[in-house]
């Protein structure tokens, strides 16, 4: 994952959520269509994409898509 734009494209294309740049810092519970299943699916996709295991506790603490991106790039 080399940019927040690539991360957002992954969410749009692979999760099918209608997000754009304005949703990056929005609280997850207000992102259109977001639910806990999307979180687990996204984490699995990010692990495949990055080739690393991601911290579930860190992901659960993330409150925005940017926060989840930070978990993905921090490994």
PDB file of N, CA and C in Angstrom:
ATOM      1  N   UNK A   1       0.861  -1.159   0.000  1.00  0.00           N
ATOM      2  CA  UNK A   1       0.000   0.000   0.000  1.00  0.00           C
ATOM      3  C   UNK A   1       0.907   1.222   0.000  1.00  0.00           C
ATOM      4  N   UNK A   2       0.905   1.957  -1.089  1.00  0.00           N
ATOM      5  CA  UNK A   2       1.870   3.042  -1.203  1.00  0.00           C
ATOM      6  C   UNK A   2       1.285   4.440  -1.050  1.00  0.00           C
ATOM      7  N   UNK A   3      -0.040   4.555  -0.912  1.00  0.00           N
ATOM      8  CA  UNK A   3      -0.617   5.883  -0.712  1.00  0.00           C
ATOM      9  C   UNK A   3      -2.036   5.759  -0.171  1.00  0.00           C
ATOM     10  N   UNK A   4      -2.492   6.842   0.427  1.00  0.00           N
ATOM     11  CA  UNK A   4      -3.869   6.878   0.915  1.00  0.00           C
ATOM     12  C   UNK A   4      -4.844   6.772  -0.255  1.00  0.00           C
ATOM     13  N   UNK A   5      -4.442   7.282  -1.430  1.00  0.00           N
ATOM     14  CA  UNK A   5      -5.302   7.176  -2.619  1.00  0.00           C
ATOM     15  C   UNK A   5      -5.489   5.721  -3.031  1.00  0.00           C
ATOM     16  N   UNK A   6      -4.413   4.936  -2.996  1.00  0.00           N
ATOM     17  CA  UNK A   6      -4.507   3.510  -3.320  1.00  0.00           C
ATOM     18  C   UNK A   6      -5.381   2.791  -2.297  1.00  0.00           C
ATOM     19  N   UNK A   7      -5.269   3.187  -1.044  1.00  0.00           N
ATOM     20  CA  UNK A   7      -6.087   2.620   0.021  1.00  0.00           C
ATOM     21  C   UNK A   7      -7.569   2.900  -0.233  1.00  0.00           C
ATOM     22  N   UNK A   8      -7.889   4.132  -0.578  1.00  0.00           N
ATOM     23  CA  UNK A   8      -9.282   4.496  -0.846  1.00  0.00           C
ATOM     24  C   UNK A   8      -9.811   3.767  -2.079  1.00  0.00           C
ATOM     25  N   UNK A   9      -8.976   3.606  -3.086  1.00  0.00           N
ATOM     26  CA  UNK A   9      -9.379   2.867  -4.285  1.00  0.00           C
ATOM     27  C   UNK A   9      -9.682   1.418  -3.937  1.00  0.00           C
ATOM     28  N   UNK A  10      -8.882   0.826  -3.059  1.00  0.00           N
ATOM     29  CA  UNK A  10      -9.125  -0.541  -2.597  1.00  0.00           C
ATOM     30  C   UNK A  10     -10.495  -0.636  -1.931  1.00  0.00           C
ATOM     31  N   UNK A  11     -10.808   0.315  -1.101  1.00  0.00           N
ATOM     32  CA  UNK A  11     -12.105   0.325  -0.411  1.00  0.00           C
ATOM     33  C   UNK A  11     -13.241   0.472  -1.420  1.00  0.00           C
ATOM     34  N   UNK A  12     -13.064   1.356  -2.384  1.00  0.00           N
ATOM     35  CA  UNK A  12     -14.099   1.565  -3.400  1.00  0.00           C
ATOM     36  C   UNK A  12     -14.279   0.325  -4.271  1.00  0.00           C
ATOM     37  N   UNK A  13     -13.178  -0.171  -4.810  1.00  0.00           N
ATOM     38  CA  UNK A  13     -13.251  -1.246  -5.793  1.00  0.00           C
ATOM     39  C   UNK A  13     -13.498  -2.620  -5.179  1.00  0.00           C
ATOM     40  N   UNK A  14     -12.816  -2.934  -4.099  1.00  0.00           N
ATOM     41  CA  UNK A  14     -12.907  -4.283  -3.542  1.00  0.00           C
ATOM     42  C   UNK A  14     -13.999  -4.443  -2.490  1.00  0.00           C
ATOM     43  N   UNK A  15     -14.263  -3.378  -1.727  1.00  0.00           N
ATOM     44  CA  UNK A  15     -15.357  -3.451  -0.763  1.00  0.00           C
ATOM     45  C   UNK A  15     -16.661  -2.939  -1.347  1.00  0.00           C
ATOM     46  N   UNK A  16     -16.565  -2.174  -2.427  1.00  0.00           N
ATOM     47  CA  UNK A  16     -17.762  -1.643  -3.068  1.00  0.00           C
ATOM     48  C   UNK A  16     -18.437  -0.523  -2.303  1.00  0.00           C
ATOM     49  N   UNK A  17     -17.668   0.145  -1.441  1.00  0.00           N
ATOM     50  CA  UNK A  17     -18.256   1.254  -0.685  1.00  0.00           C
ATOM     51  C   UNK A  17     -18.091   2.566  -1.458  1.00  0.00           C
ATOM     52  N   UNK A  18     -19.122   3.392  -1.451  1.00  0.00           N
ATOM     53  CA  UNK A  18     -19.088   4.652  -2.192  1.00  0.00           C
ATOM     54  C   UNK A  18     -18.355   5.751  -1.415  1.00  0.00           C
ATOM     55  N   UNK A  19     -17.047   5.597  -1.237  1.00  0.00           N
ATOM     56  CA  UNK A  19     -16.261   6.574  -0.486  1.00  0.00           C
ATOM     57  C   UNK A  19     -15.442   7.435  -1.432  1.00  0.00           C
ATOM     58  N   UNK A  20     -15.087   8.615  -0.955  1.00  0.00           N
ATOM     59  CA  UNK A  20     -14.181   9.483  -1.699  1.00  0.00           C
ATOM     60  C   UNK A  20     -13.263  10.178  -0.701  1.00  0.00           C
ATOM     61  N   UNK A  21     -12.463  11.100  -1.184  1.00  0.00           N
ATOM     62  CA  UNK A  21     -11.470  11.756  -0.326  1.00  0.00           C
ATOM     63  C   UNK A  21     -12.085  12.441   0.886  1.00  0.00           C
ATOM     64  N   UNK A  22     -13.322  12.872   0.777  1.00  0.00           N
ATOM     65  CA  UNK A  22     -13.958  13.551   1.910  1.00  0.00           C
ATOM     66  C   UNK A  22     -14.273  12.589   3.054  1.00  0.00           C
ATOM     67  N   UNK A  23     -14.216  11.286   2.800  1.00  0.00           N
ATOM     68  CA  UNK A  23     -14.523  10.291   3.830  1.00  0.00           C
ATOM     69  C   UNK A  23     -13.302   9.831   4.621  1.00  0.00           C
ATOM     70  N   UNK A  24     -12.109  10.249   4.224  1.00  0.00           N
ATOM     71  CA  UNK A  24     -10.872   9.761   4.840  1.00  0.00           C
ATOM     72  C   UNK A  24     -10.833  10.027   6.344  1.00  0.00           C
ATOM     73  N   UNK A  25     -11.269  11.196   6.761  1.00  0.00           N
ATOM     74  CA  UNK A  25     -11.192  11.563   8.181  1.00  0.00           C
ATOM     75  C   UNK A  25     -12.546  11.544   8.874  1.00  0.00           C
ATOM     76  N   UNK A  26     -13.531  10.996   8.218  1.00  0.00           N
ATOM     77  CA  UNK A  26     -14.873  10.872   8.793  1.00  0.00           C
ATOM     78  C   UNK A  26     -14.876   9.725   9.790  1.00  0.00           C
ATOM     79  N   UNK A  27     -15.628   9.858  10.869  1.00  0.00           N
ATOM     80  CA  UNK A  27     -15.760   8.769  11.839  1.00  0.00           C
ATOM     81  C   UNK A  27     -16.301   7.533  11.126  1.00  0.00           C
ATOM     82  N   UNK A  28     -15.709   6.372  11.405  1.00  0.00           N
ATOM     83  CA  UNK A  28     -16.089   5.152  10.700  1.00  0.00           C
ATOM     84  C   UNK A  28     -17.588   4.887  10.730  1.00  0.00           C
ATOM     85  N   UNK A  29     -18.227   5.150  11.864  1.00  0.00           N
ATOM     86  CA  UNK A  29     -19.656   4.858  11.958  1.00  0.00           C
ATOM     87  C   UNK A  29     -20.502   5.754  11.059  1.00  0.00           C
ATOM     88  N   UNK A  30     -19.893   6.817  10.486  1.00  0.00           N
ATOM     89  CA  UNK A  30     -20.638   7.689   9.577  1.00  0.00           C
ATOM     90  C   UNK A  30     -20.251   7.489   8.106  1.00  0.00           C
ATOM     91  N   UNK A  31     -19.306   6.579   7.847  1.00  0.00           N
ATOM     92  CA  UNK A  31     -18.925   6.282   6.461  1.00  0.00           C
ATOM     93  C   UNK A  31     -20.068   5.494   5.822  1.00  0.00           C
ATOM     94  N   UNK A  32     -20.543   5.928   4.655  1.00  0.00           N
ATOM     95  CA  UNK A  32     -21.680   5.259   4.023  1.00  0.00           C
ATOM     96  C   UNK A  32     -21.442   3.756   3.817  1.00  0.00           C
ATOM     97  N   UNK A  33     -22.318   2.944   4.398  1.00  0.00           N
ATOM     98  CA  UNK A  33     -22.257   1.497   4.220  1.00  0.00           C
ATOM     99  C   UNK A  33     -21.291   0.763   5.126  1.00  0.00           C
ATOM    100  N   UNK A  34     -20.531   1.462   5.952  1.00  0.00           N
ATOM    101  CA  UNK A  34     -19.505   0.824   6.786  1.00  0.00           C
ATOM    102  C   UNK A  34     -20.136  -0.021   7.871  1.00  0.00           C
ATOM    103  N   UNK A  35     -19.567  -1.217   8.111  1.00  0.00           N
ATOM    104  CA  UNK A  35     -19.949  -2.042   9.249  1.00  0.00           C
ATOM    105  C   UNK A  35     -18.761  -2.909   9.650  1.00  0.00           C
ATOM    106  N   UNK A  36     -18.942  -3.705  10.692  1.00  0.00           N
ATOM    107  CA  UNK A  36     -17.827  -4.500  11.220  1.00  0.00           C
ATOM    108  C   UNK A  36     -17.354  -5.561  10.232  1.00  0.00           C
ATOM    109  N   UNK A  37     -18.228  -6.049   9.386  1.00  0.00           N
ATOM    110  CA  UNK A  37     -17.820  -7.024   8.381  1.00  0.00           C
ATOM    111  C   UNK A  37     -16.836  -6.385   7.401  1.00  0.00           C
ATOM    112  N   UNK A  38     -17.081  -5.121   7.065  1.00  0.00           N
ATOM    113  CA  UNK A  38     -16.149  -4.415   6.184  1.00  0.00           C
ATOM    114  C   UNK A  38     -14.779  -4.276   6.839  1.00  0.00           C
ATOM    115  N   UNK A  39     -14.752  -4.060   8.148  1.00  0.00           N
ATOM    116  CA  UNK A  39     -13.471  -3.947   8.842  1.00  0.00           C
ATOM    117  C   UNK A  39     -12.669  -5.235   8.716  1.00  0.00           C
ATOM    118  N   UNK A  40     -13.286  -6.361   9.004  1.00  0.00           N
ATOM    119  CA  UNK A  40     -12.586  -7.645   8.935  1.00  0.00           C
ATOM    120  C   UNK A  40     -12.152  -7.942   7.494  1.00  0.00           C
ATOM    121  N   UNK A  41     -13.017  -7.678   6.548  1.00  0.00           N
ATOM    122  CA  UNK A  41     -12.688  -7.899   5.137  1.00  0.00           C
ATOM    123  C   UNK A  41     -11.528  -7.009   4.713  1.00  0.00           C
ATOM    124  N   UNK A  42     -11.589  -5.735   5.110  1.00  0.00           N
ATOM    125  CA  UNK A  42     -10.526  -4.799   4.755  1.00  0.00           C
ATOM    126  C   UNK A  42      -9.192  -5.230   5.363  1.00  0.00           C
ATOM    127  N   UNK A  43      -9.200  -5.643   6.604  1.00  0.00           N
ATOM    128  CA  UNK A  43      -7.961  -6.090   7.245  1.00  0.00           C
ATOM    129  C   UNK A  43      -7.364  -7.282   6.509  1.00  0.00           C
ATOM    130  N   UNK A  44      -8.196  -8.216   6.108  1.00  0.00           N
ATOM    131  CA  UNK A  44      -7.712  -9.376   5.343  1.00  0.00           C
ATOM    132  C   UNK A  44      -7.107  -8.931   4.019  1.00  0.00           C
ATOM    133  N   UNK A  45      -7.776  -8.021   3.325  1.00  0.00           N
ATOM    134  CA  UNK A  45      -7.262  -7.518   2.051  1.00  0.00           C
ATOM    135  C   UNK A  45      -5.941  -6.785   2.249  1.00  0.00           C
ATOM    136  N   UNK A  46      -5.850  -5.999   3.305  1.00  0.00           N
ATOM    137  CA  UNK A  46      -4.626  -5.243   3.566  1.00  0.00           C
ATOM    138  C   UNK A  46      -3.463  -6.166   3.910  1.00  0.00           C
ATOM    139  N   UNK A  47      -3.742  -7.233   4.645  1.00  0.00           N
ATOM    140  CA  UNK A  47      -2.682  -8.192   4.948  1.00  0.00           C
ATOM    141  C   UNK A  47      -2.164  -8.848   3.678  1.00  0.00           C
ATOM    142  N   UNK A  48      -3.074  -9.195   2.775  1.00  0.00           N
ATOM    143  CA  UNK A  48      -2.646  -9.752   1.482  1.00  0.00           C
ATOM    144  C   UNK A  48      -1.861  -8.718   0.683  1.00  0.00           C
ATOM    145  N   UNK A  49      -2.347  -7.497   0.672  1.00  0.00           N
ATOM    146  CA  UNK A  49      -1.737  -6.422  -0.106  1.00  0.00           C
ATOM    147  C   UNK A  49      -0.340  -6.068   0.406  1.00  0.00           C
ATOM    148  N   UNK A  50      -0.180  -6.023   1.733  1.00  0.00           N
ATOM    149  CA  UNK A  50       1.094  -5.601   2.317  1.00  0.00           C
ATOM    150  C   UNK A  50       2.036  -6.773   2.594  1.00  0.00           C
ATOM    151  N   UNK A  51       1.484  -7.987   2.670  1.00  0.00           N
ATOM    152  CA  UNK A  51       2.299  -9.147   2.987  1.00  0.00           C
ATOM    153  C   UNK A  51       2.683  -9.223   4.457  1.00  0.00           C
ATOM    154  N   UNK A  52       1.995  -8.471   5.304  1.00  0.00           N
ATOM    155  CA  UNK A  52       2.277  -8.451   6.746  1.00  0.00           C
ATOM    156  C   UNK A  52       1.002  -8.696   7.541  1.00  0.00           C
ATOM    157  N   UNK A  53       1.179  -9.206   8.741  1.00  0.00           N
ATOM    158  CA  UNK A  53       0.058  -9.294   9.671  1.00  0.00           C
ATOM    159  C   UNK A  53      -0.190  -7.909  10.254  1.00  0.00           C
ATOM    160  N   UNK A  54      -1.450  -7.573  10.410  1.00  0.00           N
ATOM    161  CA  UNK A  54      -1.798  -6.277  10.991  1.00  0.00           C
ATOM    162  C   UNK A  54      -2.322  -6.481  12.400  1.00  0.00           C
ATOM    163  N   UNK A  55      -2.166  -5.476  13.212  1.00  0.00           N
ATOM    164  CA  UNK A  55      -2.604  -5.531  14.599  1.00  0.00           C
ATOM    165  C   UNK A  55      -4.111  -5.321  14.691  1.00  0.00           C
ATOM    166  N   UNK A  56      -4.827  -6.363  15.098  1.00  0.00           N
ATOM    167  CA  UNK A  56      -6.269  -6.233  15.275  1.00  0.00           C
ATOM    168  C   UNK A  56      -6.599  -5.219  16.370  1.00  0.00           C
ATOM    169  N   UNK A  57      -5.921  -5.239  17.521  1.00  0.00           N
ATOM    170  CA  UNK A  57      -6.223  -4.215  18.529  1.00  0.00           C
ATOM    171  C   UNK A  57      -6.028  -2.785  17.999  1.00  0.00           C
ATOM    172  N   UNK A  58      -4.971  -2.564  17.229  1.00  0.00           N
ATOM    173  CA  UNK A  58      -4.748  -1.228  16.658  1.00  0.00           C
ATOM    174  C   UNK A  58      -5.859  -0.879  15.675  1.00  0.00           C
ATOM    175  N   UNK A  59      -6.290  -1.841  14.874  1.00  0.00           N
ATOM    176  CA  UNK A  59      -7.364  -1.586  13.912  1.00  0.00           C
ATOM    177  C   UNK A  59      -8.673  -1.280  14.633  1.00  0.00           C
ATOM    178  N   UNK A  60      -8.930  -1.977  15.718  1.00  0.00           N
ATOM    179  CA  UNK A  60     -10.156  -1.726  16.477  1.00  0.00           C
ATOM    180  C   UNK A  60     -10.149  -0.359  17.152  1.00  0.00           C
ATOM    181  N   UNK A  61      -8.961   0.162  17.434  1.00  0.00           N
ATOM    182  CA  UNK A  61      -8.848   1.493  18.032  1.00  0.00           C
ATOM    183  C   UNK A  61      -8.962   2.612  17.001  1.00  0.00           C
ATOM    184  N   UNK A  62      -8.778   2.285  15.732  1.00  0.00           N
ATOM    185  CA  UNK A  62      -8.868   3.301  14.675  1.00  0.00           C
ATOM    186  C   UNK A  62     -10.306   3.813  14.591  1.00  0.00           C
ATOM    187  N   UNK A  63     -10.442   5.112  14.443  1.00  0.00           N
ATOM    188  CA  UNK A  63     -11.776   5.705  14.392  1.00  0.00           C
ATOM    189  C   UNK A  63     -12.120   6.268  13.018  1.00  0.00           C
ATOM    190  N   UNK A  64     -11.133   6.262  12.109  1.00  0.00           N
ATOM    191  CA  UNK A  64     -11.339   6.793  10.759  1.00  0.00           C
ATOM    192  C   UNK A  64     -10.669   5.878   9.743  1.00  0.00           C
ATOM    193  N   UNK A  65     -10.983   6.086   8.471  1.00  0.00           N
ATOM    194  CA  UNK A  65     -10.298   5.335   7.418  1.00  0.00           C
ATOM    195  C   UNK A  65      -8.813   5.663   7.411  1.00  0.00           C
ATOM    196  N   UNK A  66      -8.461   6.915   7.667  1.00  0.00           N
ATOM    197  CA  UNK A  66      -7.045   7.283   7.751  1.00  0.00           C
ATOM    198  C   UNK A  66      -6.362   6.517   8.880  1.00  0.00           C
ATOM    199  N   UNK A  67      -7.057   6.343   9.990  1.00  0.00           N
ATOM    200  CA  UNK A  67      -6.514   5.569  11.096  1.00  0.00           C
ATOM    201  C   UNK A  67      -6.247   4.127  10.691  1.00  0.00           C
ATOM    202  N   UNK A  68      -7.150   3.534   9.912  1.00  0.00           N
ATOM    203  CA  UNK A  68      -6.940   2.177   9.416  1.00  0.00           C
ATOM    204  C   UNK A  68      -5.786   2.137   8.429  1.00  0.00           C
ATOM    205  N   UNK A  69      -5.667   3.160   7.595  1.00  0.00           N
ATOM    206  CA  UNK A  69      -4.539   3.244   6.671  1.00  0.00           C
ATOM    207  C   UNK A  69      -3.230   3.289   7.463  1.00  0.00           C
ATOM    208  N   UNK A  70      -3.205   4.078   8.528  1.00  0.00           N
ATOM    209  CA  UNK A  70      -1.999   4.182   9.349  1.00  0.00           C
ATOM    210  C   UNK A  70      -1.628   2.833   9.947  1.00  0.00           C
ATOM    211  N   UNK A  71      -2.625   2.054  10.375  1.00  0.00           N
ATOM    212  CA  UNK A  71      -2.361   0.709  10.887  1.00  0.00           C
ATOM    213  C   UNK A  71      -1.732  -0.149   9.785  1.00  0.00           C
ATOM    214  N   UNK A  72      -2.247  -0.016   8.574  1.00  0.00           N
ATOM    215  CA  UNK A  72      -1.741  -0.825   7.458  1.00  0.00           C
ATOM    216  C   UNK A  72      -0.307  -0.460   7.096  1.00  0.00           C
ATOM    217  N   UNK A  73       0.025   0.805   7.096  1.00  0.00           N
ATOM    218  CA  UNK A  73       1.381   1.200   6.687  1.00  0.00           C
ATOM    219  C   UNK A  73       2.370   1.040   7.823  1.00  0.00           C
ATOM    220  N   UNK A  74       1.884   1.087   9.062  1.00  0.00           N
ATOM    221  CA  UNK A  74       2.777   0.906  10.203  1.00  0.00           C
ATOM    222  C   UNK A  74       3.109  -0.571  10.409  1.00  0.00           C
ATOM    223  N   UNK A  75       2.210  -1.429   9.916  1.00  0.00           N
ATOM    224  CA  UNK A  75       2.438  -2.871  10.052  1.00  0.00           C
ATOM    225  C   UNK A  75       2.151  -3.293  11.430  1.00  0.00           C
TER     226      UNK A  75
END
